[in-house]
Amino acid sequence: MVGLYDESMLPEMLPIYYTRLFPQNIFCRWLSCGSSPQPLSNRELSFTLADDVYLRYLSICNQKELQLLLQKKCPHKLDIGAVYNTKPSIGRHDAVVLSRELVFDIDLTDYDEVRTCCQEAKVCEKCWKFMVIACEIIDKTLKEDFGFQSILWVFSGRRGIHCWVSDYEARTLDSPGRAAVADYLCLITGGDNQNKKVNLGSDNLHTSIRRALTVIDKYFDQLLKDQEFLSTTDRLDKMLKMIPDETLRSQVQKSLESMPETSLERWKMFQSVYENYSRESSNNNRKIRYLVEEIKIQYCYPRLDVNVTKGFNHLLKSPFSIHPKTGKVSVVFKPGNAKNMKLDEIPSIYSLLDDSSPDNAQHEANMRVAVKNFQEVVFSLEKAEAIRRRNDANISLEF
């Protein structure tokens, strides 16, 4: 197994990975809590096998059944679905979805209109900062605005992150409730042909938006240096099209085109021109009161795949699944540590199984940390579920 990752070797590596390294016990405990009050067997699992053979509506009753299923099928990809009113492998045609974690999917390809270092499937440390910002903003919002606590963050294995909210109140949200949460978290709207995609109005900003801007401000200068949003004529033109006031746009364009191409210096000049223009007239200020904030948000705010969040039936890759294209493990990480993650230090199946790999020791240690992170979330969820069941029992006794 010495050398670079080769997808054709997955059939040889996966049986060993699932037997030795996949955290089967804690995985089943997590799914069981997320299925409660239904049994684990009512949860849908999905496998993608070699040659893109796709198996849906699989189910297990316990860890032993999971172990046998993994050994028998050796999925190249493992996805998790909803909890049904019956065992999905038996009654899938008549099954009714009862619950599902509230999930969020953030993918760097949705940032392609603003990131300049990479495009499509490529990702680097520079554009990873977009994921850091998304993680911090969403995690804070879920905890502070909605009161959720059982939140699991997972690296997708290639170019994004997934968030699973397992609180009972989140799992049992109906479709309108999920749509409301998704809409609350969406500030960027409009298709490819729309230049300005953020409109905050002229009223006082909501607390959640101010909090998001506080997160963005921590990273914005560095992102300007890394991404050079304003360094070329085309990039500058994109920013100018976000300015709705024609007079201000003309002033900004004139000032910036005569400056050096460094985005950070151009941004500072833009802010200066904007502030002077706003001071000239209160009418100007009303129309573009939050223009600076709107542009920052359009560059940096989380870009969610809202259909994943709104729907019950969308499958999402399991924690500790292997990404078949990269070989990387979908590791669990703490939101506060997202900024310290190094993409080349994320464990891969080949480095974990190849003792001679130069990354073996580092990746094994990082895998242990990822499993520990998973355990901490599951233990907390189990405690919360025990309290909820006890409270429900006490309410029943009172009647």
Protein backbone atom coordinates (compact mmCIF):
# COMPACT_ATOMS: atom_id res chain seq x y z
CA MET A 1 0.00 0.00 0.00
CA VAL A 2 3.02 2.25 -0.19
CA GLY A 3 2.54 5.36 -2.32
CA LEU A 4 -0.34 7.55 -3.29
CA TYR A 5 -3.99 6.64 -2.87
CA ASP A 6 -5.46 4.44 -5.58
CA GLU A 7 -9.25 4.06 -5.63
CA SER A 8 -8.93 0.63 -7.22
CA MET A 9 -7.44 -0.64 -3.95
CA LEU A 10 -10.55 0.21 -1.93
CA PRO A 11 -11.97 -3.35 -2.14
CA GLU A 12 -8.81 -4.58 -0.41
CA MET A 13 -8.63 -1.83 2.19
CA LEU A 14 -12.27 -1.39 3.19
CA PRO A 15 -12.79 -4.78 4.91
CA ILE A 16 -9.78 -4.03 7.13
CA TYR A 17 -10.92 -0.45 7.79
CA TYR A 18 -14.46 -1.45 8.75
CA THR A 19 -13.20 -4.21 11.04
CA ARG A 20 -10.35 -2.36 12.77
CA LEU A 21 -11.05 1.36 12.60
CA PHE A 22 -14.70 2.17 11.92
CA PRO A 23 -16.22 3.03 15.36
CA GLN A 24 -19.14 0.60 15.08
CA ASN A 25 -20.25 0.71 18.71
CA ILE A 26 -20.44 4.47 19.12
CA PHE A 27 -21.94 4.76 15.62
CA CYS A 28 -24.84 2.46 16.57
CA ARG A 29 -25.33 4.31 19.86
CA TRP A 30 -25.54 7.62 17.98
CA LEU A 31 -28.07 6.22 15.50
CA SER A 32 -30.09 4.65 18.34
CA CYS A 33 -30.42 7.97 20.15
CA GLY A 34 -31.28 9.67 16.90
CA SER A 35 -33.93 7.02 16.22
CA SER A 36 -35.53 7.19 19.67
CA PRO A 37 -38.32 6.61 20.54
CA GLN A 38 -38.32 4.28 17.49
CA PRO A 39 -35.98 1.26 17.41
CA LEU A 40 -32.66 1.37 15.59
CA SER A 41 -34.07 -1.05 12.99
CA ASN A 42 -36.39 1.71 11.71
CA ARG A 43 -33.46 3.81 10.51
CA GLU A 44 -32.53 3.72 6.83
CA LEU A 45 -28.94 3.09 5.78
CA SER A 46 -27.71 3.25 2.21
CA PHE A 47 -24.60 1.70 0.64
CA THR A 48 -22.81 2.65 -2.55
CA LEU A 49 -20.81 -0.35 -3.73
CA ALA A 50 -18.14 -0.74 -6.40
CA ASP A 51 -19.16 0.43 -9.89
CA ASP A 52 -21.73 2.78 -8.30
CA VAL A 53 -24.13 -0.01 -7.34
CA TYR A 54 -26.60 1.75 -5.05
CA LEU A 55 -28.47 0.02 -2.22
CA ARG A 56 -31.18 1.89 -0.29
CA TYR A 57 -33.55 0.98 2.55
CA LEU A 58 -31.03 -1.17 4.43
CA SER A 59 -31.49 -1.52 8.17
CA ILE A 60 -29.82 -3.04 11.21
CA CYS A 61 -31.03 -4.03 14.68
CA ASN A 62 -27.71 -3.86 16.52
CA GLN A 63 -23.95 -3.57 16.17
CA LYS A 64 -23.53 -7.23 15.25
CA GLU A 65 -25.85 -6.83 12.26
CA LEU A 66 -23.95 -3.69 11.22
CA GLN A 67 -20.66 -5.57 11.42
CA LEU A 68 -21.98 -8.45 9.29
CA LEU A 69 -23.48 -6.06 6.74
CA LEU A 70 -20.26 -4.05 6.45
CA GLN A 71 -18.19 -7.20 6.03
CA LYS A 72 -20.57 -8.63 3.44
CA LYS A 73 -21.08 -5.52 1.31
CA CYS A 74 -17.96 -3.40 2.02
CA PRO A 75 -19.61 -0.16 0.87
CA HIS A 76 -17.42 2.40 -0.84
CA LYS A 77 -19.79 4.98 0.63
CA LEU A 78 -22.16 4.81 3.59
CA ASP A 79 -25.13 7.19 3.82
CA ILE A 80 -27.72 7.72 6.54
CA GLY A 81 -31.42 8.37 6.00
CA ALA A 82 -34.52 9.02 8.07
CA VAL A 83 -36.33 7.07 10.79
CA TYR A 84 -39.54 5.39 9.63
CA ASN A 85 -42.60 3.98 11.38
CA THR A 86 -41.49 0.52 10.34
CA LYS A 87 -38.36 -1.31 9.28
CA PRO A 88 -37.51 0.32 5.90
CA SER A 89 -36.04 -2.87 4.44
CA ILE A 90 -39.45 -4.57 4.87
CA GLY A 91 -42.15 -1.96 4.35
CA ARG A 92 -40.51 0.80 2.37
CA HIS A 93 -43.48 1.34 0.04
CA ASP A 94 -45.84 2.09 2.92
CA ALA A 95 -43.29 3.50 5.36
CA VAL A 96 -43.82 6.97 6.79
CA VAL A 97 -40.92 9.20 7.88
CA LEU A 98 -41.20 10.00 11.59
CA SER A 99 -37.99 11.86 12.32
CA ARG A 100 -34.63 12.90 10.97
CA GLU A 101 -31.71 14.86 12.32
CA LEU A 102 -31.72 18.49 11.24
CA VAL A 103 -28.83 18.49 8.79
CA PHE A 104 -26.77 21.10 6.98
CA ASP A 105 -24.52 20.57 3.97
CA ILE A 106 -21.94 23.22 3.07
CA ASP A 107 -19.84 22.59 -0.05
CA LEU A 108 -17.00 24.74 -1.36
CA THR A 109 -18.26 24.43 -4.94
CA ASP A 110 -21.05 26.82 -3.91
CA TYR A 111 -18.33 29.42 -3.27
CA ASP A 112 -16.88 29.18 -6.77
CA GLU A 113 -18.20 32.62 -7.72
CA VAL A 114 -16.12 34.21 -4.95
CA ARG A 115 -13.15 31.92 -4.25
CA THR A 116 -10.19 32.45 -6.55
CA CYS A 117 -7.63 29.93 -5.29
CA CYS A 118 -9.55 26.81 -6.39
CA GLN A 119 -12.60 25.78 -8.39
CA GLU A 120 -14.95 22.79 -8.49
CA ALA A 121 -13.58 19.76 -6.62
CA LYS A 122 -10.27 21.35 -5.65
CA VAL A 123 -9.74 22.69 -2.15
CA CYS A 124 -6.79 24.22 -0.30
CA GLU A 125 -5.97 25.81 3.03
CA LYS A 126 -6.91 29.25 1.68
CA CYS A 127 -10.49 28.40 0.73
CA TRP A 128 -10.90 26.21 3.82
CA LYS A 129 -11.37 29.50 5.70
CA PHE A 130 -14.83 29.73 4.11
CA MET A 131 -15.68 26.48 5.89
CA VAL A 132 -14.25 27.80 9.16
CA ILE A 133 -16.50 30.85 8.96
CA ALA A 134 -19.54 28.74 8.03
CA CYS A 135 -18.94 26.36 10.94
CA GLU A 136 -18.55 29.15 13.50
CA ILE A 137 -21.61 31.08 12.33
CA ILE A 138 -23.95 28.09 12.06
CA ASP A 139 -22.81 26.52 15.33
CA LYS A 140 -23.33 29.77 17.26
CA THR A 141 -26.73 30.34 15.65
CA LEU A 142 -27.98 26.83 16.40
CA LYS A 143 -26.92 27.09 20.04
CA GLU A 144 -27.73 30.71 20.84
CA ASP A 145 -30.85 31.30 18.75
CA PHE A 146 -32.46 27.85 18.78
CA GLY A 147 -31.06 26.30 21.96
CA PHE A 148 -29.79 23.14 20.27
CA GLN A 149 -26.93 21.32 22.00
CA SER A 150 -26.41 17.91 20.36
CA ILE A 151 -24.53 19.13 17.30
CA LEU A 152 -22.11 16.96 15.33
CA TRP A 153 -19.68 18.46 12.81
CA VAL A 154 -18.18 16.20 10.14
CA PHE A 155 -15.67 16.79 7.34
CA SER A 156 -17.29 15.57 4.12
CA GLY A 157 -14.12 13.82 2.93
CA ARG A 158 -13.33 16.18 0.11
CA ARG A 159 -14.47 19.80 -0.08
CA GLY A 160 -17.08 20.55 2.56
CA ILE A 161 -18.61 20.00 5.97
CA HIS A 162 -21.81 18.46 7.31
CA CYS A 163 -23.69 19.35 10.47
CA TRP A 164 -26.07 16.96 12.28
CA VAL A 165 -28.40 18.33 14.98
CA SER A 166 -29.73 15.44 17.07
CA ASP A 167 -31.77 17.24 19.75
CA TYR A 168 -35.24 15.69 19.99
CA GLU A 169 -36.84 19.03 19.06
CA ALA A 170 -34.66 19.20 15.94
CA ARG A 171 -35.23 15.57 14.89
CA THR A 172 -39.01 15.92 15.09
CA LEU A 173 -39.29 19.23 13.24
CA ASP A 174 -41.79 19.07 10.38
CA SER A 175 -40.97 20.29 6.87
CA PRO A 176 -42.17 23.89 7.45
CA GLY A 177 -40.08 24.01 10.64
CA ARG A 178 -36.97 22.83 8.82
CA ALA A 179 -37.62 25.30 6.03
CA ALA A 180 -37.93 28.09 8.61
CA VAL A 181 -34.54 27.23 10.13
CA ALA A 182 -32.93 27.01 6.68
CA ASP A 183 -34.44 30.35 5.62
CA TYR A 184 -33.29 31.96 8.88
CA LEU A 185 -29.73 30.94 8.03
CA CYS A 186 -29.87 32.09 4.40
CA LEU A 187 -28.81 35.66 3.67
CA ILE A 188 -27.46 35.11 0.16
CA THR A 189 -30.22 34.80 -2.45
CA GLY A 190 -30.45 34.94 -6.22
CA GLY A 191 -29.05 33.07 -9.20
CA ASP A 192 -25.91 33.45 -11.28
CA ASN A 193 -27.29 36.46 -13.14
CA GLN A 194 -27.94 38.48 -9.99
CA ASN A 195 -25.04 40.73 -9.03
CA LYS A 196 -26.07 41.82 -5.55
CA LYS A 197 -27.36 38.87 -3.53
CA VAL A 198 -27.58 40.33 -0.02
CA ASN A 199 -30.08 43.00 1.03
CA LEU A 200 -30.21 43.89 4.73
CA GLY A 201 -32.57 46.85 4.38
CA SER A 202 -32.19 50.02 6.42
CA ASP A 203 -33.57 48.93 9.81
CA ASN A 204 -31.37 47.90 12.72
CA LEU A 205 -29.60 44.63 12.05
CA HIS A 206 -30.84 41.48 13.72
CA THR A 207 -28.63 40.11 16.50
CA SER A 208 -27.82 36.99 14.48
CA ILE A 209 -26.54 39.08 11.56
CA ARG A 210 -24.36 41.21 13.84
CA ARG A 211 -22.99 38.04 15.41
CA ALA A 212 -22.23 36.59 11.96
CA LEU A 213 -20.42 39.78 10.96
CA THR A 214 -18.31 39.55 14.13
CA VAL A 215 -17.17 36.10 12.96
CA ILE A 216 -16.54 37.30 9.39
CA ASP A 217 -14.52 40.28 10.63
CA LYS A 218 -12.06 37.94 12.35
CA TYR A 219 -11.07 36.45 9.00
CA PHE A 220 -11.96 39.09 6.41
CA ASP A 221 -8.58 40.80 6.04
CA GLN A 222 -6.81 37.48 5.64
CA LEU A 223 -9.41 36.34 3.10
CA LEU A 224 -8.82 39.54 1.14
CA LYS A 225 -5.12 38.66 1.01
CA ASP A 226 -5.71 34.99 0.20
CA GLN A 227 -8.49 35.37 -2.36
CA GLU A 228 -7.65 38.84 -3.76
CA PHE A 229 -11.32 39.61 -4.33
CA LEU A 230 -10.51 42.99 -5.91
CA SER A 231 -7.13 42.48 -7.56
CA THR A 232 -8.11 42.20 -11.24
CA THR A 233 -10.41 44.19 -13.49
CA ASP A 234 -12.96 41.37 -13.64
CA ARG A 235 -12.99 40.85 -9.87
CA LEU A 236 -13.25 44.55 -9.20
CA ASP A 237 -16.09 44.80 -11.69
CA LYS A 238 -18.00 42.10 -9.79
CA MET A 239 -17.70 44.07 -6.58
CA LEU A 240 -18.71 47.34 -8.25
CA LYS A 241 -21.90 45.69 -9.52
CA MET A 242 -22.86 45.08 -5.87
CA ILE A 243 -23.10 48.87 -5.35
CA PRO A 244 -26.67 49.94 -6.20
CA ASP A 245 -26.01 53.69 -6.01
CA GLU A 246 -24.62 54.80 -9.39
CA THR A 247 -22.90 57.92 -8.05
CA LEU A 248 -21.12 56.00 -5.31
CA ARG A 249 -20.22 53.24 -7.75
CA SER A 250 -18.61 55.75 -10.09
CA GLN A 251 -16.62 57.33 -7.23
CA VAL A 252 -15.42 53.95 -5.99
CA GLN A 253 -14.43 52.81 -9.47
CA LYS A 254 -12.46 55.99 -10.11
CA SER A 255 -10.63 55.73 -6.77
CA LEU A 256 -9.80 52.01 -6.97
CA GLU A 257 -8.69 51.78 -10.58
CA SER A 258 -5.90 54.28 -9.91
CA MET A 259 -4.64 52.28 -6.91
CA PRO A 260 -2.28 49.31 -6.65
CA GLU A 261 -4.00 45.98 -7.23
CA THR A 262 -3.71 44.75 -3.63
CA SER A 263 -7.23 43.84 -2.50
CA LEU A 264 -6.70 44.83 1.13
CA GLU A 265 -5.63 48.38 0.17
CA ARG A 266 -8.45 48.66 -2.34
CA TRP A 267 -10.96 47.55 0.28
CA LYS A 268 -9.76 50.18 2.74
CA MET A 269 -10.10 52.83 0.06
CA PHE A 270 -13.61 51.60 -0.77
CA GLN A 271 -14.60 51.93 2.89
CA SER A 272 -13.18 55.45 3.01
CA VAL A 273 -15.06 56.56 -0.14
CA TYR A 274 -18.25 54.95 1.17
CA GLU A 275 -18.01 56.69 4.54
CA ASN A 276 -17.39 60.10 2.96
CA TYR A 277 -20.29 59.63 0.59
CA SER A 278 -22.63 58.57 3.40
CA ARG A 279 -21.70 61.62 5.48
CA GLU A 280 -22.54 63.96 2.64
CA SER A 281 -26.25 63.20 2.79
CA SER A 282 -28.54 61.37 5.19
CA ASN A 283 -30.55 60.26 2.16
CA ASN A 284 -27.46 58.54 0.77
CA ASN A 285 -26.93 56.79 4.08
CA ARG A 286 -30.46 55.40 4.22
CA LYS A 287 -30.27 53.79 0.80
CA ILE A 288 -26.92 52.09 1.39
CA ARG A 289 -26.81 51.95 5.16
CA TYR A 290 -25.38 48.42 5.33
CA LEU A 291 -23.58 48.20 1.98
CA VAL A 292 -20.19 47.30 3.50
CA GLU A 293 -21.81 44.56 5.61
CA GLU A 294 -23.76 43.25 2.62
CA ILE A 295 -20.64 42.89 0.50
CA LYS A 296 -18.78 41.12 3.32
CA ILE A 297 -21.69 38.72 3.72
CA GLN A 298 -21.85 38.03 -0.02
CA TYR A 299 -18.17 37.09 0.00
CA CYS A 300 -18.05 35.14 3.26
CA TYR A 301 -21.41 34.05 4.69
CA PRO A 302 -22.34 30.31 4.72
CA ARG A 303 -23.83 29.00 1.50
CA LEU A 304 -26.16 26.17 2.41
CA ASP A 305 -27.70 23.52 0.23
CA VAL A 306 -31.13 24.36 1.65
CA ASN A 307 -32.84 21.36 0.03
CA VAL A 308 -30.75 19.07 2.23
CA THR A 309 -31.97 20.89 5.35
CA LYS A 310 -35.61 21.24 4.33
CA GLY A 311 -36.26 17.64 3.25
CA PHE A 312 -36.70 14.48 5.31
CA ASN A 313 -35.64 12.03 2.65
CA HIS A 314 -32.23 13.39 1.71
CA LEU A 315 -29.42 10.96 2.49
CA LEU A 316 -26.19 12.30 3.97
CA LYS A 317 -22.79 10.69 4.20
CA SER A 318 -22.09 8.94 7.46
CA PRO A 319 -19.40 10.07 9.89
CA PHE A 320 -16.27 7.96 9.34
CA SER A 321 -17.31 6.97 5.84
CA ILE A 322 -14.45 6.95 3.31
CA HIS A 323 -14.62 9.37 0.40
CA PRO A 324 -13.91 7.11 -2.58
CA LYS A 325 -12.27 9.85 -4.67
CA THR A 326 -9.83 11.07 -2.01
CA GLY A 327 -9.59 8.15 0.39
CA LYS A 328 -10.05 10.58 3.27
CA VAL A 329 -12.09 9.72 6.35
CA SER A 330 -15.16 11.82 7.14
CA VAL A 331 -13.82 12.73 10.54
CA VAL A 332 -15.76 14.35 13.37
CA PHE A 333 -14.28 17.64 14.56
CA LYS A 334 -15.06 20.24 17.18
CA PRO A 335 -16.39 23.50 15.74
CA GLY A 336 -13.90 25.53 17.75
CA ASN A 337 -11.06 23.58 16.15
CA ALA A 338 -12.11 24.03 12.51
CA LYS A 339 -9.62 26.88 12.09
CA ASN A 340 -6.76 24.60 13.16
CA MET A 341 -7.58 21.75 10.79
CA LYS A 342 -4.99 20.99 8.12
CA LEU A 343 -6.32 19.17 5.08
CA ASP A 344 -3.17 17.08 4.68
CA GLU A 345 -3.47 15.95 8.31
CA ILE A 346 -6.97 14.51 7.89
CA PRO A 347 -6.65 10.70 8.09
CA SER A 348 -6.90 8.71 4.90
CA ILE A 349 -7.61 5.01 4.59
CA TYR A 350 -4.28 4.28 2.95
CA SER A 351 -2.17 6.16 5.52
CA LEU A 352 -4.06 4.50 8.39
CA LEU A 353 -3.55 0.99 7.03
CA ASP A 354 -0.01 1.41 5.72
CA ASP A 355 2.46 1.33 8.62
CA SER A 356 5.24 2.49 6.31
CA SER A 357 3.38 5.67 5.31
CA PRO A 358 5.16 8.84 6.55
CA ASP A 359 1.75 10.12 7.72
CA ASN A 360 0.77 6.94 9.55
CA ALA A 361 1.51 8.04 13.14
CA GLN A 362 0.02 11.52 12.67
CA HIS A 363 -3.12 10.20 10.97
CA GLU A 364 -3.64 7.46 13.56
CA ALA A 365 -3.47 10.07 16.32
CA ASN A 366 -5.91 12.33 14.47
CA MET A 367 -8.27 9.40 13.93
CA ARG A 368 -8.28 8.74 17.68
CA VAL A 369 -9.10 12.41 18.31
CA ALA A 370 -11.96 12.25 15.78
CA VAL A 371 -13.43 9.16 17.48
CA LYS A 372 -13.12 10.86 20.87
CA ASN A 373 -14.93 13.94 19.50
CA PHE A 374 -17.69 11.62 18.26
CA GLN A 375 -17.93 9.90 21.64
CA GLU A 376 -18.28 13.20 23.48
CA VAL A 377 -21.24 14.24 21.31
CA VAL A 378 -22.89 10.81 21.66
CA PHE A 379 -22.45 10.69 25.45
CA SER A 380 -24.01 14.14 25.73
CA LEU A 381 -26.89 13.08 23.47
CA GLU A 382 -27.48 9.91 25.51
CA LYS A 383 -27.65 11.98 28.68
CA ALA A 384 -30.11 14.42 27.12
CA GLU A 385 -32.26 11.54 25.85
CA ALA A 386 -32.31 9.91 29.30
CA ILE A 387 -33.48 13.19 30.87
CA ARG A 388 -36.14 13.63 28.18
CA ARG A 389 -37.51 10.10 28.68
CA ARG A 390 -37.59 10.56 32.45
CA ASN A 391 -39.43 13.86 32.10
CA ASP A 392 -41.90 12.31 29.65
CA ALA A 393 -42.52 9.44 32.10
CA ASN A 394 -43.13 11.88 34.96
CA ILE A 395 -45.63 13.84 32.85
CA SER A 396 -47.47 10.61 32.01
CA LEU A 397 -47.63 9.65 35.69
CA GLU A 398 -49.14 13.02 36.60
CA PHE A 399 -52.08 12.24 34.34
